[in-house]
Amino acid sequence: MPVLNATIGQKSIRDPFVNLGPDNITYHIVTTNSWATKEILYYNTTDFITFSTGQVLPVMANIPNTQCTWAPEWLFVSSKQMYFVFWASSLTANGDKSIWGAWTKDFATFTTPNIIFSPGYTVIDADMVLLPNNTYLLVFKDERDGTNYKAVRHAYSSTLGDPSGPFVEISNTVSPYLTEGPELVVGAIPGLSAPYFLYYDCFEDGHYGVSQVSADLLTYTEVPGTSCTSYGNSVNFPDECRHGSFVPISAAMLKALIAAYP
């Protein structure tokens, strides 16, 4: 059952991204508004039972010819005490999409957005983590047609500013063909040992896949039973679970959610 229905903007929630804010209480949620708008949507919650009424954030309103604003995410940068929000946009119909970003202190007002990653071909669905060496790792979908594309790559940057980058050392594809919506998750799966796991939407088959990532972030190995072509039950996801995000919660919150959504 849906737990959050959009009543603002285009009344459509796509590609939801959620993470815990620096107060360790509030979860901030950003989503795609619709297929072709200059805005994203914002909500927050402390328990995933009651949500804020939501805001339409016109992050690309002042950028002429914006065609879309897709799959927003955010990072909190403690050195600036600000949130960095990023998404994919194109300025021409059927043109290459790039990753844009802007800073905010409150998810209400934003700096002028800039392109933070544009490798010369269409890229969408960016996710970013700050590594222990203070390097930003960007994972993204290479949206070009062809069997060498339509999958996830990664790149690095030592800075995140206005504008950001440059992101360099673009990898080969690190996920199976026909995957998108990557999310790089820190942590462990029982029985497996790795600092990171890369989840991705096997969008042709309608389920998630996951790869175990080596400590040096160079080797990505599909977890058995989770590939796009041989999907099993070694990792379970909700039915029809698609492009989303992952966030750890406490045992107490899990108990309350089970009670609220039996």
C-alpha atoms as a PDB file:
ATOM      1  CA  MET A   1       0.000   0.000   0.000  1.00  0.00           C
ATOM      2  CA  PRO A   2       1.271   3.536  -0.700  1.00  0.00           C
ATOM      3  CA  VAL A   3       2.470   5.409   2.398  1.00  0.00           C
ATOM      4  CA  LEU A   4       2.886   8.773   0.641  1.00  0.00           C
ATOM      5  CA  ASN A   5       0.678  10.092  -2.160  1.00  0.00           C
ATOM      6  CA  ALA A   6       1.607  13.290  -3.966  1.00  0.00           C
ATOM      7  CA  THR A   7      -1.007  16.026  -3.754  1.00  0.00           C
ATOM      8  CA  ILE A   8       1.311  18.782  -5.018  1.00  0.00           C
ATOM      9  CA  GLY A   9       3.073  19.572  -8.284  1.00  0.00           C
ATOM     10  CA  GLN A  10       2.202  17.063 -10.976  1.00  0.00           C
ATOM     11  CA  LYS A  11       0.872  14.725  -8.276  1.00  0.00           C
ATOM     12  CA  SER A  12       3.430  12.127  -9.226  1.00  0.00           C
ATOM     13  CA  ILE A  13       6.212  10.654  -7.105  1.00  0.00           C
ATOM     14  CA  ARG A  14       9.066   9.005  -8.979  1.00  0.00           C
ATOM     15  CA  ASP A  15      12.614   8.014  -7.992  1.00  0.00           C
ATOM     16  CA  PRO A  16      12.283   8.787  -4.251  1.00  0.00           C
ATOM     17  CA  PHE A  17      15.522   9.408  -2.383  1.00  0.00           C
ATOM     18  CA  VAL A  18      15.561   9.500   1.414  1.00  0.00           C
ATOM     19  CA  ASN A  19      18.322   9.918   3.953  1.00  0.00           C
ATOM     20  CA  LEU A  20      18.688  10.951   7.569  1.00  0.00           C
ATOM     21  CA  GLY A  21      19.581  14.591   8.188  1.00  0.00           C
ATOM     22  CA  PRO A  22      22.371  15.835  10.453  1.00  0.00           C
ATOM     23  CA  ASP A  23      19.984  16.180  13.407  1.00  0.00           C
ATOM     24  CA  ASN A  24      19.653  12.366  13.404  1.00  0.00           C
ATOM     25  CA  ILE A  25      15.880  12.840  13.671  1.00  0.00           C
ATOM     26  CA  THR A  26      14.541  14.124  10.361  1.00  0.00           C
ATOM     27  CA  TYR A  27      14.534  12.104   7.138  1.00  0.00           C
ATOM     28  CA  HIS A  28      14.595  14.367   4.072  1.00  0.00           C
ATOM     29  CA  ILE A  29      12.930  13.044   0.901  1.00  0.00           C
ATOM     30  CA  VAL A  30      13.374  14.394  -2.633  1.00  0.00           C
ATOM     31  CA  THR A  31      11.597  12.952  -5.670  1.00  0.00           C
ATOM     32  CA  THR A  32      11.080  13.499  -9.368  1.00  0.00           C
ATOM     33  CA  ASN A  33       7.975  15.647  -9.883  1.00  0.00           C
ATOM     34  CA  SER A  34       7.048  14.265 -13.290  1.00  0.00           C
ATOM     35  CA  TRP A  35       8.458  13.412 -16.685  1.00  0.00           C
ATOM     36  CA  ALA A  36       8.978  16.964 -17.981  1.00  0.00           C
ATOM     37  CA  THR A  37       9.156  19.738 -15.369  1.00  0.00           C
ATOM     38  CA  LYS A  38      11.671  22.181 -13.894  1.00  0.00           C
ATOM     39  CA  GLU A  39      10.838  21.184 -10.325  1.00  0.00           C
ATOM     40  CA  ILE A  40      11.461  18.435  -7.817  1.00  0.00           C
ATOM     41  CA  LEU A  41       9.325  17.534  -4.801  1.00  0.00           C
ATOM     42  CA  TYR A  42      10.395  17.609  -1.145  1.00  0.00           C
ATOM     43  CA  TYR A  43       8.948  15.935   1.956  1.00  0.00           C
ATOM     44  CA  ASN A  44      10.254  15.057   5.382  1.00  0.00           C
ATOM     45  CA  THR A  45       9.339  12.655   8.143  1.00  0.00           C
ATOM     46  CA  THR A  46      10.654  11.439  11.477  1.00  0.00           C
ATOM     47  CA  ASP A  47       8.930   8.040  11.472  1.00  0.00           C
ATOM     48  CA  PHE A  48       7.741   7.166   7.915  1.00  0.00           C
ATOM     49  CA  ILE A  49       4.181   7.159   9.237  1.00  0.00           C
ATOM     50  CA  THR A  50       3.454  10.896   9.254  1.00  0.00           C
ATOM     51  CA  PHE A  51       4.884  13.055   6.463  1.00  0.00           C
ATOM     52  CA  SER A  52       5.107  16.785   5.848  1.00  0.00           C
ATOM     53  CA  THR A  53       2.642  18.283   3.370  1.00  0.00           C
ATOM     54  CA  GLY A  54       5.423  18.656   0.837  1.00  0.00           C
ATOM     55  CA  GLN A  55       6.945  21.432  -1.253  1.00  0.00           C
ATOM     56  CA  VAL A  56       7.461  21.969  -4.974  1.00  0.00           C
ATOM     57  CA  LEU A  57      11.076  23.097  -5.400  1.00  0.00           C
ATOM     58  CA  PRO A  58      11.651  24.976  -8.698  1.00  0.00           C
ATOM     59  CA  VAL A  59      15.371  24.210  -8.801  1.00  0.00           C
ATOM     60  CA  MET A  60      15.674  24.691 -12.601  1.00  0.00           C
ATOM     61  CA  ALA A  61      13.065  27.457 -12.958  1.00  0.00           C
ATOM     62  CA  ASN A  62      15.620  30.071 -14.015  1.00  0.00           C
ATOM     63  CA  ILE A  63      17.513  27.847 -16.450  1.00  0.00           C
ATOM     64  CA  PRO A  64      16.055  28.446 -19.941  1.00  0.00           C
ATOM     65  CA  ASN A  65      14.866  25.491 -22.017  1.00  0.00           C
ATOM     66  CA  THR A  66      15.014  22.956 -19.192  1.00  0.00           C
ATOM     67  CA  GLN A  67      13.301  19.804 -20.432  1.00  0.00           C
ATOM     68  CA  CYS A  68      13.341  17.637 -17.300  1.00  0.00           C
ATOM     69  CA  THR A  69      14.555  17.380 -13.706  1.00  0.00           C
ATOM     70  CA  TRP A  70      15.031  13.719 -12.842  1.00  0.00           C
ATOM     71  CA  ALA A  71      16.042  11.501  -9.921  1.00  0.00           C
ATOM     72  CA  PRO A  72      17.174  14.084  -7.338  1.00  0.00           C
ATOM     73  CA  GLU A  73      19.374  13.103  -4.400  1.00  0.00           C
ATOM     74  CA  TRP A  74      21.267  14.985  -1.710  1.00  0.00           C
ATOM     75  CA  LEU A  75      24.362  14.927   0.482  1.00  0.00           C
ATOM     76  CA  PHE A  76      24.883  16.890   3.691  1.00  0.00           C
ATOM     77  CA  VAL A  77      28.339  18.491   3.607  1.00  0.00           C
ATOM     78  CA  SER A  78      29.375  19.098   7.200  1.00  0.00           C
ATOM     79  CA  SER A  79      32.214  21.488   6.314  1.00  0.00           C
ATOM     80  CA  LYS A  80      29.651  23.877   4.763  1.00  0.00           C
ATOM     81  CA  GLN A  81      26.706  22.917   7.003  1.00  0.00           C
ATOM     82  CA  MET A  82      24.630  22.732   3.823  1.00  0.00           C
ATOM     83  CA  TYR A  83      22.869  20.160   1.695  1.00  0.00           C
ATOM     84  CA  PHE A  84      24.064  19.539  -1.846  1.00  0.00           C
ATOM     85  CA  VAL A  85      21.115  18.474  -4.034  1.00  0.00           C
ATOM     86  CA  PHE A  86      21.788  16.988  -7.476  1.00  0.00           C
ATOM     87  CA  TRP A  87      19.715  15.610 -10.362  1.00  0.00           C
ATOM     88  CA  ALA A  88      19.704  15.011 -14.153  1.00  0.00           C
ATOM     89  CA  SER A  89      18.484  17.669 -16.598  1.00  0.00           C
ATOM     90  CA  SER A  90      18.547  18.342 -20.325  1.00  0.00           C
ATOM     91  CA  LEU A  91      18.271  21.748 -21.986  1.00  0.00           C
ATOM     92  CA  THR A  92      17.218  20.501 -25.413  1.00  0.00           C
ATOM     93  CA  ALA A  93      14.507  18.103 -26.469  1.00  0.00           C
ATOM     94  CA  ASN A  94      16.015  14.639 -26.884  1.00  0.00           C
ATOM     95  CA  GLY A  95      19.410  16.130 -25.997  1.00  0.00           C
ATOM     96  CA  ASP A  96      22.108  14.783 -23.719  1.00  0.00           C
ATOM     97  CA  LYS A  97      21.275  14.903 -20.032  1.00  0.00           C
ATOM     98  CA  SER A  98      23.877  16.045 -17.513  1.00  0.00           C
ATOM     99  CA  ILE A  99      24.055  15.977 -13.730  1.00  0.00           C
ATOM    100  CA  TRP A 100      23.254  19.343 -12.152  1.00  0.00           C
ATOM    101  CA  GLY A 101      23.535  20.439  -8.532  1.00  0.00           C
ATOM    102  CA  ALA A 102      22.788  23.280  -6.112  1.00  0.00           C
ATOM    103  CA  TRP A 103      23.289  24.068  -2.433  1.00  0.00           C
ATOM    104  CA  THR A 104      20.592  24.675   0.180  1.00  0.00           C
ATOM    105  CA  LYS A 105      20.456  25.158   3.938  1.00  0.00           C
ATOM    106  CA  ASP A 106      16.775  24.407   4.336  1.00  0.00           C
ATOM    107  CA  PHE A 107      15.317  22.738   1.201  1.00  0.00           C
ATOM    108  CA  ALA A 108      13.506  26.022   0.569  1.00  0.00           C
ATOM    109  CA  THR A 109      15.996  28.347  -1.137  1.00  0.00           C
ATOM    110  CA  PHE A 110      18.797  27.197  -3.433  1.00  0.00           C
ATOM    111  CA  THR A 111      21.912  28.574  -5.043  1.00  0.00           C
ATOM    112  CA  THR A 112      21.957  28.886  -8.837  1.00  0.00           C
ATOM    113  CA  PRO A 113      22.349  25.334 -10.189  1.00  0.00           C
ATOM    114  CA  ASN A 114      25.430  24.279 -12.136  1.00  0.00           C
ATOM    115  CA  ILE A 115      26.362  21.285 -14.240  1.00  0.00           C
ATOM    116  CA  ILE A 116      28.526  19.058 -12.041  1.00  0.00           C
ATOM    117  CA  PHE A 117      29.046  16.146 -14.438  1.00  0.00           C
ATOM    118  CA  SER A 118      28.778  16.106 -18.225  1.00  0.00           C
ATOM    119  CA  PRO A 119      31.083  13.504 -19.810  1.00  0.00           C
ATOM    120  CA  GLY A 120      29.980  14.195 -23.379  1.00  0.00           C
ATOM    121  CA  TYR A 121      27.096  11.739 -23.473  1.00  0.00           C
ATOM    122  CA  THR A 122      23.757  11.341 -21.702  1.00  0.00           C
ATOM    123  CA  VAL A 123      23.983  10.447 -17.996  1.00  0.00           C
ATOM    124  CA  ILE A 124      21.152  10.099 -15.473  1.00  0.00           C
ATOM    125  CA  ASP A 125      20.368   8.577 -12.049  1.00  0.00           C
ATOM    126  CA  ALA A 126      23.361   9.868 -10.090  1.00  0.00           C
ATOM    127  CA  ASP A 127      24.124   8.692  -6.565  1.00  0.00           C
ATOM    128  CA  MET A 128      27.054  10.003  -4.554  1.00  0.00           C
ATOM    129  CA  VAL A 129      28.950   9.028  -1.399  1.00  0.00           C
ATOM    130  CA  LEU A 130      31.829  10.640   0.455  1.00  0.00           C
ATOM    131  CA  LEU A 131      34.601   8.070   0.840  1.00  0.00           C
ATOM    132  CA  PRO A 132      36.815   7.830   3.961  1.00  0.00           C
ATOM    133  CA  ASN A 133      39.636   9.577   2.051  1.00  0.00           C
ATOM    134  CA  ASN A 134      37.368  12.633   1.526  1.00  0.00           C
ATOM    135  CA  THR A 135      36.883  11.834  -2.153  1.00  0.00           C
ATOM    136  CA  TYR A 136      33.406  11.960  -3.675  1.00  0.00           C
ATOM    137  CA  LEU A 137      32.399   8.853  -5.600  1.00  0.00           C
ATOM    138  CA  LEU A 138      29.661   9.368  -8.190  1.00  0.00           C
ATOM    139  CA  VAL A 139      27.798   6.361  -9.585  1.00  0.00           C
ATOM    140  CA  PHE A 140      25.556   7.041 -12.568  1.00  0.00           C
ATOM    141  CA  LYS A 141      23.772   5.454 -15.509  1.00  0.00           C
ATOM    142  CA  ASP A 142      25.341   5.712 -18.943  1.00  0.00           C
ATOM    143  CA  GLU A 143      22.153   6.278 -20.931  1.00  0.00           C
ATOM    144  CA  ARG A 144      23.588   5.734 -24.412  1.00  0.00           C
ATOM    145  CA  ASP A 145      22.119   3.026 -26.610  1.00  0.00           C
ATOM    146  CA  GLY A 146      24.049  -0.183 -27.207  1.00  0.00           C
ATOM    147  CA  THR A 147      25.141  -3.247 -25.279  1.00  0.00           C
ATOM    148  CA  ASN A 148      28.239  -1.479 -23.886  1.00  0.00           C
ATOM    149  CA  TYR A 149      26.003   1.155 -22.277  1.00  0.00           C
ATOM    150  CA  LYS A 150      22.615   1.290 -20.481  1.00  0.00           C
ATOM    151  CA  ALA A 151      24.417   0.402 -17.251  1.00  0.00           C
ATOM    152  CA  VAL A 152      26.225   1.960 -14.292  1.00  0.00           C
ATOM    153  CA  ARG A 153      29.668   3.591 -14.239  1.00  0.00           C
ATOM    154  CA  HIS A 154      31.492   5.544 -11.553  1.00  0.00           C
ATOM    155  CA  ALA A 155      33.807   8.570 -11.334  1.00  0.00           C
ATOM    156  CA  TYR A 156      35.677  10.496  -8.608  1.00  0.00           C
ATOM    157  CA  SER A 157      36.109  14.098  -7.511  1.00  0.00           C
ATOM    158  CA  SER A 158      38.101  15.627  -4.666  1.00  0.00           C
ATOM    159  CA  THR A 159      35.823  18.676  -4.476  1.00  0.00           C
ATOM    160  CA  LEU A 160      32.152  19.476  -4.425  1.00  0.00           C
ATOM    161  CA  GLY A 161      31.629  23.142  -5.107  1.00  0.00           C
ATOM    162  CA  ASP A 162      29.977  25.693  -7.397  1.00  0.00           C
ATOM    163  CA  PRO A 163      30.598  24.332  -9.957  1.00  0.00           C
ATOM    164  CA  SER A 164      31.722  20.917  -8.752  1.00  0.00           C
ATOM    165  CA  GLY A 165      34.389  18.604  -9.996  1.00  0.00           C
ATOM    166  CA  PRO A 166      35.887  17.691 -12.163  1.00  0.00           C
ATOM    167  CA  PHE A 167      34.789  14.086 -11.801  1.00  0.00           C
ATOM    168  CA  VAL A 168      37.549  11.988 -13.330  1.00  0.00           C
ATOM    169  CA  GLU A 169      38.600   8.356 -13.805  1.00  0.00           C
ATOM    170  CA  ILE A 170      35.318   7.292 -15.381  1.00  0.00           C
ATOM    171  CA  SER A 171      35.097   3.520 -15.035  1.00  0.00           C
ATOM    172  CA  ASN A 172      33.890   0.859 -17.409  1.00  0.00           C
ATOM    173  CA  THR A 173      30.348  -0.329 -16.705  1.00  0.00           C
ATOM    174  CA  VAL A 174      30.135  -1.887 -13.225  1.00  0.00           C
ATOM    175  CA  SER A 175      26.596  -3.291 -13.400  1.00  0.00           C
ATOM    176  CA  PRO A 176      24.837  -5.635 -15.835  1.00  0.00           C
ATOM    177  CA  TYR A 177      23.387  -4.409 -19.102  1.00  0.00           C
ATOM    178  CA  LEU A 178      19.944  -2.751 -18.792  1.00  0.00           C
ATOM    179  CA  THR A 179      20.312  -1.440 -15.237  1.00  0.00           C
ATOM    180  CA  GLU A 180      19.663   2.012 -13.781  1.00  0.00           C
ATOM    181  CA  GLY A 181      18.888   3.830 -10.529  1.00  0.00           C
ATOM    182  CA  PRO A 182      22.168   2.871  -8.781  1.00  0.00           C
ATOM    183  CA  GLU A 183      22.477   3.202  -5.005  1.00  0.00           C
ATOM    184  CA  LEU A 184      25.819   2.574  -3.306  1.00  0.00           C
ATOM    185  CA  VAL A 185      25.145   1.347   0.218  1.00  0.00           C
ATOM    186  CA  VAL A 186      27.692   1.188   3.014  1.00  0.00           C
ATOM    187  CA  GLY A 187      27.385  -1.883   5.217  1.00  0.00           C
ATOM    188  CA  ALA A 188      27.289  -5.639   5.215  1.00  0.00           C
ATOM    189  CA  ILE A 189      24.958  -8.399   4.151  1.00  0.00           C
ATOM    190  CA  PRO A 190      24.965 -11.465   6.473  1.00  0.00           C
ATOM    191  CA  GLY A 191      27.392 -14.038   5.135  1.00  0.00           C
ATOM    192  CA  LEU A 192      29.174 -11.571   2.855  1.00  0.00           C
ATOM    193  CA  SER A 193      32.051  -9.253   3.592  1.00  0.00           C
ATOM    194  CA  ALA A 194      32.451  -5.920   1.782  1.00  0.00           C
ATOM    195  CA  PRO A 195      32.301  -2.242   2.743  1.00  0.00           C
ATOM    196  CA  TYR A 196      29.875  -1.378  -0.068  1.00  0.00           C
ATOM    197  CA  PHE A 197      27.058  -2.912  -2.060  1.00  0.00           C
ATOM    198  CA  LEU A 198      25.773  -1.472  -5.325  1.00  0.00           C
ATOM    199  CA  TYR A 199      22.030  -1.876  -5.837  1.00  0.00           C
ATOM    200  CA  TYR A 200      20.462  -1.246  -9.235  1.00  0.00           C
ATOM    201  CA  ASP A 201      17.097  -1.453 -10.906  1.00  0.00           C
ATOM    202  CA  CYS A 202      16.943  -4.226 -13.522  1.00  0.00           C
ATOM    203  CA  PHE A 203      14.387  -2.107 -15.342  1.00  0.00           C
ATOM    204  CA  GLU A 204      13.518  -4.581 -18.089  1.00  0.00           C
ATOM    205  CA  ASP A 205      12.772  -7.339 -15.568  1.00  0.00           C
ATOM    206  CA  GLY A 206      11.162  -5.221 -12.842  1.00  0.00           C
ATOM    207  CA  HIS A 207      13.316  -6.061  -9.821  1.00  0.00           C
ATOM    208  CA  TYR A 208      16.508  -5.015  -8.030  1.00  0.00           C
ATOM    209  CA  GLY A 209      19.946  -6.546  -8.464  1.00  0.00           C
ATOM    210  CA  VAL A 210      22.952  -6.089  -6.199  1.00  0.00           C
ATOM    211  CA  SER A 211      26.712  -6.385  -6.560  1.00  0.00           C
ATOM    212  CA  GLN A 212      29.309  -6.779  -3.855  1.00  0.00           C
ATOM    213  CA  VAL A 213      31.971  -4.066  -4.174  1.00  0.00           C
ATOM    214  CA  SER A 214      35.603  -4.593  -3.272  1.00  0.00           C
ATOM    215  CA  ALA A 215      37.351  -2.401  -0.715  1.00  0.00           C
ATOM    216  CA  ASP A 216      39.222  -0.552  -3.471  1.00  0.00           C
ATOM    217  CA  LEU A 217      35.960   0.048  -5.382  1.00  0.00           C
ATOM    218  CA  LEU A 218      37.447  -1.515  -8.493  1.00  0.00           C
ATOM    219  CA  THR A 219      35.752  -4.919  -8.542  1.00  0.00           C
ATOM    220  CA  TYR A 220      31.967  -5.313  -8.608  1.00  0.00           C
ATOM    221  CA  THR A 221      30.723  -8.897  -8.270  1.00  0.00           C
ATOM    222  CA  GLU A 222      27.044  -9.797  -8.623  1.00  0.00           C
ATOM    223  CA  VAL A 223      25.605 -11.352  -5.482  1.00  0.00           C
ATOM    224  CA  PRO A 224      24.415 -14.877  -6.436  1.00  0.00           C
ATOM    225  CA  GLY A 225      20.679 -15.024  -7.038  1.00  0.00           C
ATOM    226  CA  THR A 226      20.268 -11.273  -7.543  1.00  0.00           C
ATOM    227  CA  SER A 227      21.415 -10.751 -11.119  1.00  0.00           C
ATOM    228  CA  CYS A 228      19.105  -9.391 -13.769  1.00  0.00           C
ATOM    229  CA  THR A 229      19.158 -12.691 -15.669  1.00  0.00           C
ATOM    230  CA  SER A 230      19.116 -15.240 -12.836  1.00  0.00           C
ATOM    231  CA  TYR A 231      17.025 -13.674 -10.118  1.00  0.00           C
ATOM    232  CA  GLY A 232      16.568 -15.815  -7.006  1.00  0.00           C
ATOM    233  CA  ASN A 233      15.678 -15.249  -3.370  1.00  0.00           C
ATOM    234  CA  SER A 234      19.032 -14.595  -1.713  1.00  0.00           C
ATOM    235  CA  VAL A 235      17.954 -10.967  -1.219  1.00  0.00           C
ATOM    236  CA  ASN A 236      14.261 -10.109  -0.957  1.00  0.00           C
ATOM    237  CA  PHE A 237      12.629  -6.868  -2.063  1.00  0.00           C
ATOM    238  CA  PRO A 238       9.004  -5.700  -2.013  1.00  0.00           C
ATOM    239  CA  ASP A 239       6.986  -6.667  -5.067  1.00  0.00           C
ATOM    240  CA  GLU A 240       7.481  -4.309  -8.003  1.00  0.00           C
ATOM    241  CA  CYS A 241      10.139  -2.372  -6.096  1.00  0.00           C
ATOM    242  CA  ARG A 242      11.812   0.006  -8.550  1.00  0.00           C
ATOM    243  CA  HIS A 243      14.139   3.016  -8.586  1.00  0.00           C
ATOM    244  CA  GLY A 244      14.348   4.098  -4.942  1.00  0.00           C
ATOM    245  CA  SER A 245      16.871   4.402  -2.123  1.00  0.00           C
ATOM    246  CA  PHE A 246      18.073   2.699   1.038  1.00  0.00           C
ATOM    247  CA  VAL A 247      18.385   3.997   4.588  1.00  0.00           C
ATOM    248  CA  PRO A 248      19.084   2.145   7.858  1.00  0.00           C
ATOM    249  CA  ILE A 249      16.468   2.345  10.615  1.00  0.00           C
ATOM    250  CA  SER A 250      16.376   1.234  14.232  1.00  0.00           C
ATOM    251  CA  ALA A 251      14.687  -1.909  15.516  1.00  0.00           C
ATOM    252  CA  ALA A 252      12.187   0.286  17.352  1.00  0.00           C
ATOM    253  CA  MET A 253      11.272   2.124  14.155  1.00  0.00           C
ATOM    254  CA  LEU A 254      10.883  -1.169  12.311  1.00  0.00           C
ATOM    255  CA  LYS A 255       8.512  -2.420  15.007  1.00  0.00           C
ATOM    256  CA  ALA A 256       6.430   0.759  14.759  1.00  0.00           C
ATOM    257  CA  LEU A 257       6.301   0.524  10.960  1.00  0.00           C
ATOM    258  CA  ILE A 258       5.137  -3.085  11.062  1.00  0.00           C
ATOM    259  CA  ALA A 259       2.403  -2.069  13.492  1.00  0.00           C
ATOM    260  CA  ALA A 260       1.344   0.879  11.317  1.00  0.00           C
ATOM    261  CA  TYR A 261       1.454  -1.047   8.041  1.00  0.00           C
ATOM    262  CA  PRO A 262       0.498  -4.644   8.904  1.00  0.00           C
END
